[in-house]
C-alpha atoms as a PDB file:
ATOM      1  CA  UNK A   1      14.175  43.391 -32.445  1.00  0.00           C
ATOM      2  CA  UNK A   2      16.881  44.426 -34.945  1.00  0.00           C
ATOM      3  CA  UNK A   3      19.118  41.756 -36.419  1.00  0.00           C
ATOM      4  CA  UNK A   4      22.751  41.901 -35.369  1.00  0.00           C
ATOM      5  CA  UNK A   5      25.605  40.718 -37.545  1.00  0.00           C
ATOM      6  CA  UNK A   6      27.841  37.886 -36.418  1.00  0.00           C
ATOM      7  CA  UNK A   7      30.917  40.110 -36.544  1.00  0.00           C
ATOM      8  CA  UNK A   8      29.261  42.632 -34.221  1.00  0.00           C
ATOM      9  CA  UNK A   9      28.574  39.883 -31.702  1.00  0.00           C
ATOM     10  CA  UNK A  10      31.947  38.149 -32.046  1.00  0.00           C
ATOM     11  CA  UNK A  11      34.248  41.196 -31.992  1.00  0.00           C
ATOM     12  CA  UNK A  12      33.999  41.934 -28.241  1.00  0.00           C
ATOM     13  CA  UNK A  13      34.664  38.284 -27.413  1.00  0.00           C
ATOM     14  CA  UNK A  14      37.656  38.123 -29.754  1.00  0.00           C
ATOM     15  CA  UNK A  15      39.070  41.276 -28.168  1.00  0.00           C
ATOM     16  CA  UNK A  16      39.233  39.433 -24.837  1.00  0.00           C
ATOM     17  CA  UNK A  17      41.264  36.496 -26.228  1.00  0.00           C
ATOM     18  CA  UNK A  18      44.850  35.955 -25.190  1.00  0.00           C
ATOM     19  CA  UNK A  19      47.329  36.662 -28.019  1.00  0.00           C
ATOM     20  CA  UNK A  20      48.140  32.953 -28.510  1.00  0.00           C
ATOM     21  CA  UNK A  21      44.433  32.113 -28.871  1.00  0.00           C
ATOM     22  CA  UNK A  22      43.945  34.935 -31.377  1.00  0.00           C
ATOM     23  CA  UNK A  23      46.958  33.693 -33.385  1.00  0.00           C
ATOM     24  CA  UNK A  24      45.660  30.118 -33.376  1.00  0.00           C
ATOM     25  CA  UNK A  25      42.263  31.337 -34.585  1.00  0.00           C
ATOM     26  CA  UNK A  26      43.908  33.348 -37.367  1.00  0.00           C
ATOM     27  CA  UNK A  27      46.028  30.378 -38.505  1.00  0.00           C
ATOM     28  CA  UNK A  28      43.088  27.975 -38.452  1.00  0.00           C
ATOM     29  CA  UNK A  29      40.960  30.455 -40.382  1.00  0.00           C
ATOM     30  CA  UNK A  30      43.675  30.791 -43.014  1.00  0.00           C
ATOM     31  CA  UNK A  31      43.977  27.026 -43.305  1.00  0.00           C
ATOM     32  CA  UNK A  32      40.217  26.590 -43.660  1.00  0.00           C
ATOM     33  CA  UNK A  33      40.110  29.286 -46.349  1.00  0.00           C
ATOM     34  CA  UNK A  34      42.910  27.579 -48.294  1.00  0.00           C
ATOM     35  CA  UNK A  35      41.149  24.215 -48.085  1.00  0.00           C
ATOM     36  CA  UNK A  36      37.892  25.793 -49.238  1.00  0.00           C
ATOM     37  CA  UNK A  37      39.629  27.427 -52.210  1.00  0.00           C
ATOM     38  CA  UNK A  38      41.106  24.033 -53.163  1.00  0.00           C
ATOM     39  CA  UNK A  39      37.650  22.417 -52.989  1.00  0.00           C
ATOM     40  CA  UNK A  40      36.207  25.096 -55.249  1.00  0.00           C
ATOM     41  CA  UNK A  41      39.092  24.759 -57.731  1.00  0.00           C
ATOM     42  CA  UNK A  42      38.708  20.961 -57.778  1.00  0.00           C
ATOM     43  CA  UNK A  43      34.987  21.277 -58.443  1.00  0.00           C
ATOM     44  CA  UNK A  44      35.689  23.720 -61.256  1.00  0.00           C
ATOM     45  CA  UNK A  45      38.103  21.192 -62.831  1.00  0.00           C
ATOM     46  CA  UNK A  46      35.381  18.510 -62.732  1.00  0.00           C
ATOM     47  CA  UNK A  47      32.897  20.925 -64.323  1.00  0.00           C
ATOM     48  CA  UNK A  48      35.445  21.898 -66.994  1.00  0.00           C
ATOM     49  CA  UNK A  49      36.073  18.225 -67.817  1.00  0.00           C
ATOM     50  CA  UNK A  50      32.334  17.591 -68.066  1.00  0.00           C
ATOM     51  CA  UNK A  51      31.828  20.603 -70.315  1.00  0.00           C
ATOM     52  CA  UNK A  52      34.805  19.578 -72.494  1.00  0.00           C
ATOM     53  CA  UNK A  53      33.118  16.195 -72.925  1.00  0.00           C
ATOM     54  CA  UNK A  54      29.975  18.129 -73.946  1.00  0.00           C
ATOM     55  CA  UNK A  55      27.919  16.521 -71.197  1.00  0.00           C
ATOM     56  CA  UNK A  56      25.241  18.008 -68.999  1.00  0.00           C
ATOM     57  CA  UNK A  57      25.141  17.091 -65.336  1.00  0.00           C
ATOM     58  CA  UNK A  58      22.181  14.720 -65.906  1.00  0.00           C
ATOM     59  CA  UNK A  59      24.052  13.028 -68.753  1.00  0.00           C
ATOM     60  CA  UNK A  60      27.146  12.589 -66.573  1.00  0.00           C
ATOM     61  CA  UNK A  61      24.932  11.237 -63.803  1.00  0.00           C
ATOM     62  CA  UNK A  62      23.504   8.616 -66.161  1.00  0.00           C
ATOM     63  CA  UNK A  63      26.940   7.631 -67.464  1.00  0.00           C
ATOM     64  CA  UNK A  64      28.604   7.501 -64.054  1.00  0.00           C
ATOM     65  CA  UNK A  65      25.864   6.267 -61.772  1.00  0.00           C
ATOM     66  CA  UNK A  66      26.502   9.282 -59.515  1.00  0.00           C
ATOM     67  CA  UNK A  67      23.443  11.324 -58.530  1.00  0.00           C
ATOM     68  CA  UNK A  68      23.121  14.610 -60.431  1.00  0.00           C
ATOM     69  CA  UNK A  69      22.704  16.460 -57.116  1.00  0.00           C
ATOM     70  CA  UNK A  70      26.045  15.024 -55.938  1.00  0.00           C
ATOM     71  CA  UNK A  71      27.729  16.132 -59.162  1.00  0.00           C
ATOM     72  CA  UNK A  72      26.306  19.609 -58.665  1.00  0.00           C
ATOM     73  CA  UNK A  73      27.631  19.786 -55.080  1.00  0.00           C
ATOM     74  CA  UNK A  74      31.079  18.556 -56.153  1.00  0.00           C
ATOM     75  CA  UNK A  75      31.251  21.087 -58.991  1.00  0.00           C
ATOM     76  CA  UNK A  76      30.312  23.912 -56.606  1.00  0.00           C
ATOM     77  CA  UNK A  77      33.010  22.854 -54.141  1.00  0.00           C
ATOM     78  CA  UNK A  78      30.465  21.708 -51.581  1.00  0.00           C
ATOM     79  CA  UNK A  79      30.840  17.968 -51.936  1.00  0.00           C
ATOM     80  CA  UNK A  80      33.307  15.627 -50.334  1.00  0.00           C
ATOM     81  CA  UNK A  81      33.332  12.802 -52.873  1.00  0.00           C
ATOM     82  CA  UNK A  82      34.533   9.340 -51.982  1.00  0.00           C
ATOM     83  CA  UNK A  83      37.260   7.558 -53.914  1.00  0.00           C
ATOM     84  CA  UNK A  84      34.607   5.402 -55.591  1.00  0.00           C
ATOM     85  CA  UNK A  85      32.626   8.465 -56.681  1.00  0.00           C
ATOM     86  CA  UNK A  86      35.750  10.061 -58.142  1.00  0.00           C
ATOM     87  CA  UNK A  87      36.598   6.853 -60.002  1.00  0.00           C
ATOM     88  CA  UNK A  88      33.065   6.655 -61.437  1.00  0.00           C
ATOM     89  CA  UNK A  89      33.211  10.262 -62.611  1.00  0.00           C
ATOM     90  CA  UNK A  90      36.681   9.848 -64.104  1.00  0.00           C
ATOM     91  CA  UNK A  91      35.628   6.696 -65.942  1.00  0.00           C
ATOM     92  CA  UNK A  92      32.480   8.372 -67.296  1.00  0.00           C
ATOM     93  CA  UNK A  93      34.610  11.311 -68.478  1.00  0.00           C
ATOM     94  CA  UNK A  94      37.185   8.907 -69.966  1.00  0.00           C
ATOM     95  CA  UNK A  95      39.865  10.305 -67.668  1.00  0.00           C
ATOM     96  CA  UNK A  96      42.329   9.003 -65.065  1.00  0.00           C
ATOM     97  CA  UNK A  97      42.744  10.202 -61.517  1.00  0.00           C
ATOM     98  CA  UNK A  98      46.293  11.405 -60.996  1.00  0.00           C
ATOM     99  CA  UNK A  99      48.089  12.587 -57.890  1.00  0.00           C
ATOM    100  CA  UNK A 100      50.676  15.250 -58.634  1.00  0.00           C
ATOM    101  CA  UNK A 101      53.109  17.016 -56.361  1.00  0.00           C
ATOM    102  CA  UNK A 102      52.078  20.529 -55.461  1.00  0.00           C
ATOM    103  CA  UNK A 103      54.047  23.333 -56.982  1.00  0.00           C
ATOM    104  CA  UNK A 104      56.527  25.130 -54.755  1.00  0.00           C
ATOM    105  CA  UNK A 105      54.901  25.819 -51.410  1.00  0.00           C
ATOM    106  CA  UNK A 106      54.116  29.462 -50.586  1.00  0.00           C
ATOM    107  CA  UNK A 107      54.969  28.972 -46.898  1.00  0.00           C
END
C-alpha cells in the first residue's frame, strides 16, 4: 500500500471547512509558527552564550546541574525549561536573566 502524505489527506477535509474555521486555523497556525521561531531563537542564544564561555554541553551540564540532554533540547528549541533550569544555566554561564520589552510589534 503506497504511503500518502498528510497534506494529501488533509486537503479535502480543509476544503469543506466554513470560512471562519479556515481563518481560525490559519491564525492559529501562524501563531504556532511564531512561537516555534521564538523557541528556536532562544535556544540559539543559549548555545551562543555557552560557546562564548568556551564550554561544551557536558561541561555546562556539570557546572549547572542541568542534564546535558536537557541542554541539548533547549538549544535546539525543543525544550520548555523551567524558571529554575534557566536560573541554573544563567548562573553557570555567569549571566543574568533579563526580561526586555519586545521591539515594535509587526501586527
